Amino acid sequence: MNRNILRTGAAVVAAMVLTTFTVAVPAQASPLPSYGSAVEAIAPPAPGGSRSATGASIAAGSPTISPSANVIYVPPGYPYSCGSGNLCTFVWDPNYLWTDGQGGAILGVWALFYLYNCHEYAVSNWNGNGYYVDNQTPSGPNGVRSYFRNVFHNQIGSYITPDNTLHGPYNWNPVYYVKNC
């Protein structure tokens, strides 16, 4: 059988599967884990041009980080928590299928990475705009400093310090490394 026919058939099946999901958001979100002195807020809206469960298109790869870090997936408008000691980064994952346990699903959500351990993290597929919250300790001008770096490990912009505030939208496209200490 011709490979192009197989690819086209697979794309049609994927489109049919994606269009069968309902995008229902429950009135009550699932509780998130408690992290002590945490910043608790509502996740930002989806980035412009992002796809939903009713739009079938070929997407970029899902965001990854190395060494690994804790990650949760948060739909736009749902609560999240950024615990004390973390640099929390929101990166859009167009491929993650989040289900609410009540028959609803959302394709494309925020991947919320909790960067707690001091590392220079290598990141992949951090595309488009995202957000970050720096809730590390100690805070203030003499506290922890974090850096976003390009492919050559050069610092992008100025360093960031903990202020427990959601920052963004922030363009992740030039970021290849995040150093949280």
Protein backbone atom coordinates (compact mmCIF):
# COMPACT_ATOMS: atom_id res chain seq x y z
CA MET A 1 0.00 0.00 0.00
CA ASN A 2 1.25 3.49 -0.78
CA ARG A 3 2.80 5.31 2.22
CA ASN A 4 1.05 8.57 1.32
CA ILE A 5 -2.33 6.83 1.50
CA LEU A 6 -1.42 5.41 4.93
CA ARG A 7 -0.35 8.84 6.17
CA THR A 8 -3.50 10.46 4.85
CA GLY A 9 -5.65 7.74 6.40
CA ALA A 10 -3.88 8.15 9.75
CA ALA A 11 -4.42 11.92 9.63
CA VAL A 12 -8.13 11.45 8.90
CA VAL A 13 -8.51 8.99 11.80
CA ALA A 14 -6.66 11.38 14.14
CA ALA A 15 -8.92 14.25 13.06
CA MET A 16 -12.01 12.13 13.68
CA VAL A 17 -10.79 11.10 17.14
CA LEU A 18 -9.93 14.68 18.08
CA THR A 19 -13.29 16.04 17.00
CA THR A 20 -15.19 13.54 19.15
CA PHE A 21 -13.94 15.06 22.42
CA THR A 22 -16.11 17.57 24.17
CA VAL A 23 -14.36 20.52 25.68
CA ALA A 24 -16.21 20.75 28.97
CA VAL A 25 -14.62 22.40 31.96
CA PRO A 26 -15.99 21.28 35.31
CA ALA A 27 -17.17 23.92 37.76
CA GLN A 28 -14.80 22.61 40.44
CA ALA A 29 -11.16 21.92 39.60
CA SER A 30 -9.25 19.05 41.12
CA PRO A 31 -7.34 20.11 44.23
CA LEU A 32 -3.63 20.62 43.69
CA PRO A 33 -0.98 19.46 46.11
CA SER A 34 -0.15 21.85 48.94
CA TYR A 35 3.38 23.23 49.03
CA GLY A 36 3.46 25.26 52.25
CA SER A 37 4.25 28.93 51.53
CA ALA A 38 2.89 28.71 48.04
CA VAL A 39 1.79 31.22 45.48
CA GLU A 40 -1.74 30.15 44.55
CA ALA A 41 -3.45 31.64 41.53
CA ILE A 42 -5.31 30.85 38.31
CA ALA A 43 -3.45 29.58 35.23
CA PRO A 44 -3.14 32.09 32.37
CA PRO A 45 -5.23 31.86 29.21
CA ALA A 46 -4.10 29.67 26.33
CA PRO A 47 -1.62 31.32 23.99
CA GLY A 48 -3.05 32.85 20.82
CA GLY A 49 -3.29 30.41 17.94
CA SER A 50 -3.21 27.33 20.16
CA ARG A 51 -5.32 24.40 19.08
CA SER A 52 -8.12 22.75 20.99
CA ALA A 53 -9.70 19.31 21.05
CA THR A 54 -11.81 20.25 18.03
CA GLY A 55 -8.90 21.39 15.87
CA ALA A 56 -6.74 18.67 14.40
CA SER A 57 -3.34 19.83 13.26
CA ILE A 58 0.19 18.57 13.46
CA ALA A 59 1.74 20.10 16.56
CA ALA A 60 5.25 20.64 17.80
CA GLY A 61 6.70 18.20 20.28
CA SER A 62 5.81 18.37 23.95
CA PRO A 63 8.07 20.47 26.19
CA THR A 64 10.78 18.58 28.08
CA ILE A 65 13.47 19.38 30.63
CA SER A 66 16.73 17.72 31.70
CA PRO A 67 17.55 16.85 34.36
CA SER A 68 13.96 15.95 35.07
CA ALA A 69 11.81 18.12 37.32
CA ASN A 70 8.35 17.75 38.78
CA VAL A 71 5.66 18.75 36.30
CA ILE A 72 1.88 19.01 36.44
CA TYR A 73 -0.55 19.89 33.65
CA VAL A 74 -2.92 22.80 34.19
CA PRO A 75 -5.69 23.88 31.81
CA PRO A 76 -6.14 27.63 31.25
CA GLY A 77 -8.26 29.17 34.00
CA TYR A 78 -7.62 26.41 36.54
CA PRO A 79 -5.89 26.92 39.90
CA TYR A 80 -2.21 26.16 40.40
CA SER A 81 0.25 26.43 43.24
CA CYS A 82 3.95 27.36 43.12
CA GLY A 83 5.52 26.16 46.35
CA SER A 84 8.19 27.95 48.33
CA GLY A 85 11.66 27.23 46.97
CA ASN A 86 10.54 26.76 43.35
CA LEU A 87 11.02 28.59 40.10
CA CYS A 88 7.77 27.62 38.35
CA THR A 89 7.62 27.83 34.57
CA PHE A 90 4.50 27.59 32.39
CA VAL A 91 5.16 26.12 28.94
CA TRP A 92 2.32 25.37 26.53
CA ASP A 93 2.02 21.68 25.65
CA PRO A 94 -0.19 21.39 22.55
CA ASN A 95 -0.19 17.57 22.74
CA TYR A 96 -1.28 16.85 26.30
CA LEU A 97 -4.83 15.54 26.57
CA TRP A 98 -6.22 16.57 29.96
CA THR A 99 -9.40 14.85 31.09
CA ASP A 100 -11.61 16.11 33.89
CA GLY A 101 -12.97 12.73 34.96
CA GLN A 102 -16.50 13.79 33.94
CA GLY A 103 -16.31 13.06 30.22
CA GLY A 104 -14.73 16.35 29.19
CA ALA A 105 -11.27 16.76 27.72
CA ILE A 106 -8.93 19.55 26.73
CA LEU A 107 -6.15 19.03 24.20
CA GLY A 108 -3.41 21.52 24.92
CA VAL A 109 -2.66 22.71 28.46
CA TRP A 110 0.10 24.39 30.44
CA ALA A 111 3.00 22.17 31.50
CA LEU A 112 3.97 23.64 34.87
CA PHE A 113 7.58 22.72 35.71
CA TYR A 114 8.69 23.02 39.34
CA LEU A 115 12.42 23.83 39.33
CA TYR A 116 13.48 23.27 42.93
CA ASN A 117 16.96 21.69 42.83
CA CYS A 118 19.80 23.98 41.78
CA HIS A 119 20.72 23.07 38.18
CA GLU A 120 21.22 24.43 34.75
CA TYR A 121 18.27 22.70 33.07
CA ALA A 122 18.33 21.99 29.33
CA VAL A 123 14.89 22.60 27.80
CA SER A 124 13.39 21.39 24.53
CA ASN A 125 10.22 22.36 22.68
CA TRP A 126 9.65 25.42 24.85
CA ASN A 127 7.89 27.25 22.05
CA GLY A 128 6.00 30.51 21.99
CA ASN A 129 4.94 32.55 24.97
CA GLY A 130 4.74 31.26 28.51
CA TYR A 131 4.98 32.48 32.08
CA TYR A 132 7.06 32.05 35.21
CA VAL A 133 6.76 32.58 38.97
CA ASP A 134 9.94 32.79 41.05
CA ASN A 135 9.10 31.66 44.59
CA GLN A 136 12.62 30.63 45.59
CA THR A 137 14.21 31.53 48.89
CA PRO A 138 15.88 33.66 49.98
CA SER A 139 14.17 36.43 48.05
CA GLY A 140 15.08 40.08 47.66
CA PRO A 141 18.05 41.81 46.01
CA ASN A 142 20.60 39.59 47.78
CA GLY A 143 18.60 36.40 47.28
CA VAL A 144 18.65 33.67 44.68
CA ARG A 145 19.17 34.68 41.06
CA SER A 146 17.86 32.72 38.09
CA TYR A 147 18.86 32.97 34.46
CA PHE A 148 17.35 32.16 31.09
CA ARG A 149 20.08 31.25 28.58
CA ASN A 150 20.34 30.77 24.83
CA VAL A 151 21.84 27.90 22.82
CA PHE A 152 25.36 29.23 23.58
CA HIS A 153 24.64 29.41 27.33
CA ASN A 154 24.61 33.22 27.15
CA GLN A 155 22.22 35.00 29.49
CA ILE A 156 19.06 36.38 27.87
CA GLY A 157 18.12 39.74 29.39
CA SER A 158 18.76 40.36 33.06
CA TYR A 159 18.64 37.78 35.82
CA ILE A 160 15.42 37.28 37.74
CA THR A 161 14.96 37.28 41.49
CA PRO A 162 12.15 35.83 43.60
CA ASP A 163 9.11 38.09 43.91
CA ASN A 164 6.29 35.49 43.97
CA THR A 165 4.55 37.13 41.00
CA LEU A 166 3.34 35.66 37.70
CA HIS A 167 5.49 37.15 34.91
CA GLY A 168 4.62 37.01 31.26
CA PRO A 169 3.93 36.45 28.60
CA TYR A 170 7.58 35.50 28.23
CA ASN A 171 8.97 34.34 24.86
CA TRP A 172 10.48 30.87 25.41
CA ASN A 173 11.69 30.53 21.77
CA PRO A 174 15.31 31.66 22.38
CA VAL A 175 15.58 29.78 25.71
CA TYR A 176 17.61 26.56 25.67
CA TYR A 177 18.68 26.55 29.34
CA VAL A 178 17.20 27.67 32.64
CA LYS A 179 19.51 28.08 35.64
CA ASN A 180 17.53 28.51 38.83
CA CYS A 181 20.37 29.39 41.20
